[in-house]
């Protein structure tokens, strides 16, 4: 069986090839799956995709027409997949239900501390042999309040680090996490969390109910000198509203590893052609903002687990085994 993998980074390619070695042939492409590239998949029963793949109705129809039966998504999130169309086309869709929560949680803290302690600005200065401290004043996190929006596995890992800093813990989620409560987390409504937190970090999935969870009204509730971090999904924040607040001089810092219009940008080198996105172009000009390209998950540990889970999803499909990772069930009889 030959598998076609879209959106494979150079670091991932040898890991994917090694994981499938002796089982299946795998063809790795660095291009992402979209309307233009979908015809490449013709004749491949199994296609593997990355988090920024376009798996809307038109692409799914092209895949189904070309003979694809399994889409093995290499991520936990699936907001980029039209599951209703996939089901109608009898396409089986599987995802990775778990990988190291520490990869994302640790990176969220990396962003928080980088904006707090002005690390990017300081490093840029020292390259020019400018060793002044002017404008680099940060703050202790110990004793301050962190608001964790979403306390699942990643939110819990983030909370444990916050507890290590000696912070006061506020949480908001549809259900309380006993492990977070044991650490001293107090669950409050979203409005209270936003109003009281010195640091707000987002760890919820992107669903219709969470789209623009942090909108103009939510941003207005936050402290003027708060830190906002998003390492989950870009659509959780109304970026245009955030830019308005930043232009008004609000927030100590903002760390974003995701962006609501990142598809077609993130994971690609746009340095020579530029980016036709006024909102992003404005966002990256603020000295108190750090934007990274959806790399929070990108550790040896997490990527290895993602690949192993993808291999298992393929094996389960070929063996006809039930898998909890399946979002859309197999075709009848397969």
Foldseek 3Di string as FASTA:
>chain_A
DEEEEEQADPVCVVLLCVLCPPPYHYDYDNHAADLVCLLVLQPHQEYEHEPLHQADLNSLVSNLVSNHAEYEYLAQADPNHPQVSCQVSQHWYFYQNDFDLLLQLVVLVVLVVCLQQVVVVCVVCVVVPRRDCPPRDGDQLAAFEEEEEDCDPNNVSNLVVSLVSNHAAEYEDPDDDVSSVVSPYDYDHLLVSQQRHLEYEYDDADDPVQFQVPELVSPVNHAQAHEYEYLHEQRNHPLVSVLVSVVVVGYSAYEYAYHNPCNVPAPDDCPVVDDPDVSVVSQVVRSSYHYHRSCSQPDPRRSSSSSNVSVVVVVCVVVVHDDPRIPHDHHPPD
